[in-house]
Amino acid sequence: MRNGELLSVAEKEFDVLITADQNLEYQQNMNHFDISVIVLVASDNRLPTLEPLIPALHNALKTIQSHEIINIES
């Protein structure tokens, strides 16, 4: 699925999309979608690399606002 399709499908079922795609906000006009996005910024998307970001992800999920994009870095 391409990003635009993914966002269209996701916005119907979810409030937040969590992704490691650091270019998503530059590839899509997020104002067209009713979903917030959390981007996990890491050198790769392997679990050992992403695990240290989990506490910050958890906190971001508690505070994220509608249509907001949050980047989480180590």
C-alpha atoms as a PDB file:
ATOM      1  CA  MET A   1       0.000   0.000   0.000  1.00  0.00           C
ATOM      2  CA  ARG A   2       1.318   3.466  -0.816  1.00  0.00           C
ATOM      3  CA  ASN A   3       1.426   6.106   1.960  1.00  0.00           C
ATOM      4  CA  GLY A   4      -1.697   7.981   0.816  1.00  0.00           C
ATOM      5  CA  GLU A   5      -3.701   4.759   0.694  1.00  0.00           C
ATOM      6  CA  LEU A   6      -2.341   3.663   4.066  1.00  0.00           C
ATOM      7  CA  LEU A   7      -3.301   6.953   5.696  1.00  0.00           C
ATOM      8  CA  SER A   8      -6.800   6.833   4.186  1.00  0.00           C
ATOM      9  CA  VAL A   9      -7.389   3.335   5.532  1.00  0.00           C
ATOM     10  CA  ALA A  10      -5.737   4.006   8.894  1.00  0.00           C
ATOM     11  CA  GLU A  11      -7.706   7.196   9.614  1.00  0.00           C
ATOM     12  CA  LYS A  12     -10.952   5.191   9.518  1.00  0.00           C
ATOM     13  CA  GLU A  13      -9.845   2.851  12.299  1.00  0.00           C
ATOM     14  CA  PHE A  14      -7.128   4.602  14.306  1.00  0.00           C
ATOM     15  CA  ASP A  15      -6.326   7.938  15.932  1.00  0.00           C
ATOM     16  CA  VAL A  16      -2.538   7.620  15.601  1.00  0.00           C
ATOM     17  CA  LEU A  17      -0.215   6.022  13.052  1.00  0.00           C
ATOM     18  CA  ILE A  18       3.210   4.968  14.343  1.00  0.00           C
ATOM     19  CA  THR A  19       5.848   4.720  11.637  1.00  0.00           C
ATOM     20  CA  ALA A  20       9.582   4.701  11.030  1.00  0.00           C
ATOM     21  CA  ASP A  21       9.087   6.495   7.673  1.00  0.00           C
ATOM     22  CA  GLN A  22      10.880   9.777   8.307  1.00  0.00           C
ATOM     23  CA  ASN A  23       9.740  11.214   4.962  1.00  0.00           C
ATOM     24  CA  LEU A  24       6.007  10.661   5.415  1.00  0.00           C
ATOM     25  CA  GLU A  25       5.176  14.227   6.423  1.00  0.00           C
ATOM     26  CA  TYR A  26       7.086  15.555   3.396  1.00  0.00           C
ATOM     27  CA  GLN A  27       5.477  13.102   0.956  1.00  0.00           C
ATOM     28  CA  GLN A  28       1.867  13.632   2.056  1.00  0.00           C
ATOM     29  CA  ASN A  29      -0.259  16.666   2.880  1.00  0.00           C
ATOM     30  CA  MET A  30      -1.269  15.580   6.358  1.00  0.00           C
ATOM     31  CA  ASN A  31      -4.082  18.158   6.455  1.00  0.00           C
ATOM     32  CA  HIS A  32      -6.018  15.833   4.143  1.00  0.00           C
ATOM     33  CA  PHE A  33      -6.071  13.055   6.740  1.00  0.00           C
ATOM     34  CA  ASP A  34      -7.862  12.804  10.078  1.00  0.00           C
ATOM     35  CA  ILE A  35      -5.034  11.030  11.884  1.00  0.00           C
ATOM     36  CA  SER A  36      -2.001  11.939  13.985  1.00  0.00           C
ATOM     37  CA  VAL A  37       1.442  10.486  13.310  1.00  0.00           C
ATOM     38  CA  ILE A  38       4.343   9.493  15.519  1.00  0.00           C
ATOM     39  CA  VAL A  39       7.610   8.981  13.660  1.00  0.00           C
ATOM     40  CA  LEU A  40      10.257   6.798  15.274  1.00  0.00           C
ATOM     41  CA  VAL A  41      13.559   8.316  14.172  1.00  0.00           C
ATOM     42  CA  ALA A  42      16.272   5.662  14.190  1.00  0.00           C
ATOM     43  CA  SER A  43      19.072   4.336  12.018  1.00  0.00           C
ATOM     44  CA  ASP A  44      16.959   1.290  11.107  1.00  0.00           C
ATOM     45  CA  ASN A  45      13.617  -0.270  12.013  1.00  0.00           C
ATOM     46  CA  ARG A  46      14.869  -3.369  13.808  1.00  0.00           C
ATOM     47  CA  LEU A  47      13.395  -4.049  17.239  1.00  0.00           C
ATOM     48  CA  PRO A  48      16.673  -3.673  19.194  1.00  0.00           C
ATOM     49  CA  THR A  49      17.130  -0.224  17.618  1.00  0.00           C
ATOM     50  CA  LEU A  50      13.547   0.881  18.303  1.00  0.00           C
ATOM     51  CA  GLU A  51      13.171  -0.519  21.838  1.00  0.00           C
ATOM     52  CA  PRO A  52      14.908   2.445  23.539  1.00  0.00           C
ATOM     53  CA  LEU A  53      12.257   4.735  21.988  1.00  0.00           C
ATOM     54  CA  ILE A  54       9.338   2.907  23.652  1.00  0.00           C
ATOM     55  CA  PRO A  55       9.143   5.047  26.851  1.00  0.00           C
ATOM     56  CA  ALA A  56       9.021   8.266  24.808  1.00  0.00           C
ATOM     57  CA  LEU A  57       6.476   6.667  22.451  1.00  0.00           C
ATOM     58  CA  HIS A  58       4.304   5.749  25.415  1.00  0.00           C
ATOM     59  CA  ASN A  59       4.414   9.344  26.695  1.00  0.00           C
ATOM     60  CA  ALA A  60       3.682  10.764  23.242  1.00  0.00           C
ATOM     61  CA  LEU A  61       0.591   8.557  22.926  1.00  0.00           C
ATOM     62  CA  LYS A  62      -0.755  10.117  26.135  1.00  0.00           C
ATOM     63  CA  THR A  63      -0.392  13.698  24.912  1.00  0.00           C
ATOM     64  CA  ILE A  64      -0.615  13.725  21.109  1.00  0.00           C
ATOM     65  CA  GLN A  65      -3.232  16.065  19.656  1.00  0.00           C
ATOM     66  CA  SER A  66      -5.385  15.612  16.572  1.00  0.00           C
ATOM     67  CA  HIS A  67      -3.434  16.044  13.310  1.00  0.00           C
ATOM     68  CA  GLU A  68      -0.137  16.410  15.198  1.00  0.00           C
ATOM     69  CA  ILE A  69       3.105  14.875  13.976  1.00  0.00           C
ATOM     70  CA  ILE A  70       5.660  13.955  16.659  1.00  0.00           C
ATOM     71  CA  ASN A  71       9.187  12.778  15.933  1.00  0.00           C
ATOM     72  CA  ILE A  72      10.756  10.588  18.607  1.00  0.00           C
ATOM     73  CA  GLU A  73      14.537  10.287  18.585  1.00  0.00           C
ATOM     74  CA  SER A  74      16.976   8.584  20.901  1.00  0.00           C
END
